[in-house]
Amino acid sequence: MKNMMKSLAVVAAVLSLTATAYAGECCVKAAKAAKEGKTCEKCEKDACCKKAVKAVGKDAKACEKCAAKEKK
């Protein structure tokens, strides 16, 4: 039973590291797009990407979609 619990803990750790690595790449892309004005915190779907865009802060330009909505 102890060996099974240890094995499950190792599997859970590996899966979480894999998910974190994938999320990191998409977040970097989202932050880059925010700096270019292609996306914003409101337009991002994933919570991790929203946090990454929010962290960019003052360096982010206004999103094209949201800026067009504000003009109307």
N, C-alpha and C. Protein backbone atom coordinates (compact mmCIF):
# COMPACT_ATOMS: atom_id res chain seq x y z
N MET A 1 0.83 -1.20 0.00
CA MET A 1 0.00 0.00 0.00
C MET A 1 0.87 1.26 0.00
N LYS A 2 1.96 1.22 0.80
CA LYS A 2 2.85 2.38 0.85
C LYS A 2 3.53 2.61 -0.50
N ASN A 3 3.92 1.51 -1.15
CA ASN A 3 4.56 1.64 -2.46
C ASN A 3 3.60 2.22 -3.49
N MET A 4 2.34 1.82 -3.41
CA MET A 4 1.35 2.34 -4.34
C MET A 4 1.14 3.84 -4.12
N MET A 5 1.12 4.27 -2.89
CA MET A 5 0.95 5.69 -2.59
C MET A 5 2.14 6.50 -3.07
N LYS A 6 3.34 5.95 -2.90
CA LYS A 6 4.53 6.63 -3.39
C LYS A 6 4.51 6.74 -4.90
N SER A 7 4.09 5.68 -5.56
CA SER A 7 4.02 5.69 -7.02
C SER A 7 3.00 6.71 -7.51
N LEU A 8 1.86 6.78 -6.85
CA LEU A 8 0.84 7.77 -7.23
C LEU A 8 1.35 9.19 -7.01
N ALA A 9 2.11 9.40 -5.95
CA ALA A 9 2.67 10.73 -5.69
C ALA A 9 3.65 11.12 -6.78
N VAL A 10 4.47 10.18 -7.23
CA VAL A 10 5.43 10.46 -8.30
C VAL A 10 4.70 10.77 -9.60
N VAL A 11 3.68 10.00 -9.91
CA VAL A 11 2.90 10.23 -11.14
C VAL A 11 2.24 11.60 -11.09
N ALA A 12 1.68 11.96 -9.95
CA ALA A 12 1.03 13.27 -9.80
C ALA A 12 2.04 14.39 -9.97
N ALA A 13 3.24 14.23 -9.43
CA ALA A 13 4.27 15.26 -9.57
C ALA A 13 4.70 15.42 -11.03
N VAL A 14 4.87 14.32 -11.73
CA VAL A 14 5.27 14.39 -13.13
C VAL A 14 4.18 15.05 -13.97
N LEU A 15 2.93 14.71 -13.73
CA LEU A 15 1.84 15.32 -14.49
C LEU A 15 1.73 16.81 -14.22
N SER A 16 1.93 17.23 -12.99
CA SER A 16 1.85 18.66 -12.67
C SER A 16 2.99 19.43 -13.32
N LEU A 17 4.18 18.84 -13.36
CA LEU A 17 5.31 19.50 -14.02
C LEU A 17 5.10 19.61 -15.52
N THR A 18 4.51 18.59 -16.10
CA THR A 18 4.21 18.63 -17.53
C THR A 18 3.20 19.71 -17.84
N ALA A 19 2.16 19.81 -17.04
CA ALA A 19 1.13 20.83 -17.25
C ALA A 19 1.71 22.22 -17.05
N THR A 20 2.60 22.39 -16.08
CA THR A 20 3.21 23.69 -15.82
C THR A 20 4.08 24.12 -16.98
N ALA A 21 4.82 23.19 -17.56
CA ALA A 21 5.69 23.53 -18.69
C ALA A 21 4.86 23.98 -19.88
N TYR A 22 3.75 23.33 -20.13
CA TYR A 22 2.89 23.71 -21.24
C TYR A 22 2.25 25.06 -20.99
N ALA A 23 1.78 25.28 -19.78
CA ALA A 23 1.14 26.55 -19.45
C ALA A 23 2.13 27.70 -19.55
N GLY A 24 3.37 27.45 -19.21
CA GLY A 24 4.39 28.49 -19.27
C GLY A 24 4.60 28.99 -20.68
N GLU A 25 4.60 28.09 -21.66
CA GLU A 25 4.82 28.48 -23.05
C GLU A 25 3.67 29.33 -23.57
N CYS A 26 2.44 28.95 -23.26
CA CYS A 26 1.29 29.72 -23.75
C CYS A 26 1.25 31.08 -23.07
N CYS A 27 1.67 31.13 -21.82
CA CYS A 27 1.66 32.40 -21.09
C CYS A 27 2.68 33.37 -21.66
N VAL A 28 3.83 32.85 -22.07
CA VAL A 28 4.86 33.70 -22.68
C VAL A 28 4.34 34.28 -23.99
N LYS A 29 3.65 33.45 -24.77
CA LYS A 29 3.08 33.92 -26.03
C LYS A 29 2.01 34.98 -25.78
N ALA A 30 1.20 34.78 -24.74
CA ALA A 30 0.15 35.75 -24.42
C ALA A 30 0.74 37.07 -23.97
N ALA A 31 1.80 37.02 -23.17
CA ALA A 31 2.44 38.26 -22.72
C ALA A 31 3.06 39.01 -23.89
N LYS A 32 3.66 38.28 -24.82
CA LYS A 32 4.25 38.91 -26.01
C LYS A 32 3.17 39.56 -26.86
N ALA A 33 2.04 38.86 -27.02
CA ALA A 33 0.93 39.41 -27.80
C ALA A 33 0.34 40.65 -27.12
N ALA A 34 0.34 40.67 -25.80
CA ALA A 34 -0.18 41.84 -25.08
C ALA A 34 0.72 43.04 -25.29
N LYS A 35 2.01 42.82 -25.35
CA LYS A 35 2.94 43.92 -25.60
C LYS A 35 2.77 44.49 -27.00
N GLU A 36 2.34 43.63 -27.94
CA GLU A 36 2.13 44.07 -29.32
C GLU A 36 0.73 44.62 -29.55
N GLY A 37 -0.15 44.51 -28.54
CA GLY A 37 -1.50 45.02 -28.67
C GLY A 37 -2.46 44.07 -29.37
N LYS A 38 -2.12 42.80 -29.41
CA LYS A 38 -2.96 41.82 -30.09
C LYS A 38 -3.96 41.15 -29.15
N THR A 39 -3.74 41.19 -27.86
CA THR A 39 -4.64 40.59 -26.89
C THR A 39 -4.61 41.40 -25.60
N CYS A 40 -5.57 41.13 -24.74
CA CYS A 40 -5.60 41.79 -23.44
C CYS A 40 -6.13 40.81 -22.40
N GLU A 41 -6.16 41.24 -21.17
CA GLU A 41 -6.61 40.38 -20.07
C GLU A 41 -8.05 39.91 -20.27
N LYS A 42 -8.88 40.76 -20.84
CA LYS A 42 -10.29 40.42 -21.05
C LYS A 42 -10.47 39.39 -22.15
N CYS A 43 -9.60 39.39 -23.14
CA CYS A 43 -9.73 38.50 -24.29
C CYS A 43 -9.12 37.12 -24.06
N GLU A 44 -8.23 36.98 -23.10
CA GLU A 44 -7.61 35.68 -22.83
C GLU A 44 -8.60 34.75 -22.16
N LYS A 45 -8.56 33.47 -22.52
CA LYS A 45 -9.50 32.49 -21.99
C LYS A 45 -8.95 31.77 -20.76
N ASP A 46 -7.66 31.42 -20.77
CA ASP A 46 -7.07 30.66 -19.67
C ASP A 46 -6.66 31.57 -18.52
N ALA A 47 -6.86 31.09 -17.31
CA ALA A 47 -6.55 31.88 -16.12
C ALA A 47 -5.06 32.18 -16.03
N CYS A 48 -4.22 31.22 -16.41
CA CYS A 48 -2.77 31.44 -16.32
C CYS A 48 -2.34 32.53 -17.30
N CYS A 49 -2.93 32.55 -18.47
CA CYS A 49 -2.58 33.56 -19.48
C CYS A 49 -3.09 34.93 -19.05
N LYS A 50 -4.25 34.97 -18.40
CA LYS A 50 -4.77 36.24 -17.90
C LYS A 50 -3.82 36.84 -16.88
N LYS A 51 -3.26 35.99 -16.02
CA LYS A 51 -2.30 36.45 -15.02
C LYS A 51 -1.03 36.96 -15.68
N ALA A 52 -0.58 36.28 -16.72
CA ALA A 52 0.63 36.68 -17.43
C ALA A 52 0.44 38.03 -18.12
N VAL A 53 -0.72 38.22 -18.73
CA VAL A 53 -1.01 39.49 -19.40
C VAL A 53 -1.13 40.61 -18.38
N LYS A 54 -1.75 40.31 -17.25
CA LYS A 54 -1.89 41.31 -16.20
C LYS A 54 -0.53 41.71 -15.63
N ALA A 55 0.40 40.75 -15.58
CA ALA A 55 1.74 41.02 -15.06
C ALA A 55 2.52 41.95 -15.99
N VAL A 56 2.20 41.94 -17.28
CA VAL A 56 2.88 42.82 -18.23
C VAL A 56 2.60 44.27 -17.86
N GLY A 57 1.38 44.53 -17.43
CA GLY A 57 1.00 45.84 -16.89
C GLY A 57 1.12 46.98 -17.87
N LYS A 58 1.96 47.95 -17.55
CA LYS A 58 2.08 49.19 -18.32
C LYS A 58 2.70 48.98 -19.70
N ASP A 59 3.44 47.88 -19.89
CA ASP A 59 4.06 47.62 -21.18
C ASP A 59 3.05 47.15 -22.22
N ALA A 60 1.87 46.71 -21.77
CA ALA A 60 0.85 46.20 -22.69
C ALA A 60 0.14 47.35 -23.39
N LYS A 61 -0.09 47.16 -24.67
CA LYS A 61 -0.86 48.13 -25.46
C LYS A 61 -2.33 47.73 -25.41
N ALA A 62 -3.19 48.63 -25.80
CA ALA A 62 -4.62 48.33 -25.84
C ALA A 62 -4.90 47.29 -26.92
N CYS A 63 -5.73 46.33 -26.58
CA CYS A 63 -6.12 45.27 -27.52
C CYS A 63 -6.94 45.91 -28.64
N GLU A 64 -6.73 45.44 -29.87
CA GLU A 64 -7.43 46.00 -31.03
C GLU A 64 -8.94 45.85 -30.91
N LYS A 65 -9.41 44.66 -30.47
CA LYS A 65 -10.84 44.41 -30.34
C LYS A 65 -11.46 45.33 -29.28
N CYS A 66 -10.85 45.39 -28.12
CA CYS A 66 -11.40 46.17 -27.02
C CYS A 66 -11.29 47.68 -27.29
N ALA A 67 -10.23 48.08 -27.97
CA ALA A 67 -10.09 49.49 -28.30
C ALA A 67 -11.16 49.92 -29.30
N ALA A 68 -11.52 49.03 -30.24
CA ALA A 68 -12.58 49.35 -31.20
C ALA A 68 -13.93 49.44 -30.51
N LYS A 69 -14.16 48.58 -29.51
CA LYS A 69 -15.42 48.63 -28.77
C LYS A 69 -15.54 49.94 -27.97
N GLU A 70 -14.42 50.39 -27.40
CA GLU A 70 -14.44 51.63 -26.61
C GLU A 70 -14.69 52.85 -27.47
N LYS A 71 -14.23 52.83 -28.72
CA LYS A 71 -14.42 53.97 -29.61
C LYS A 71 -15.88 54.14 -29.99
N LYS A 72 -16.63 53.03 -30.04
CA LYS A 72 -18.04 53.11 -30.44
C LYS A 72 -18.84 53.59 -29.31
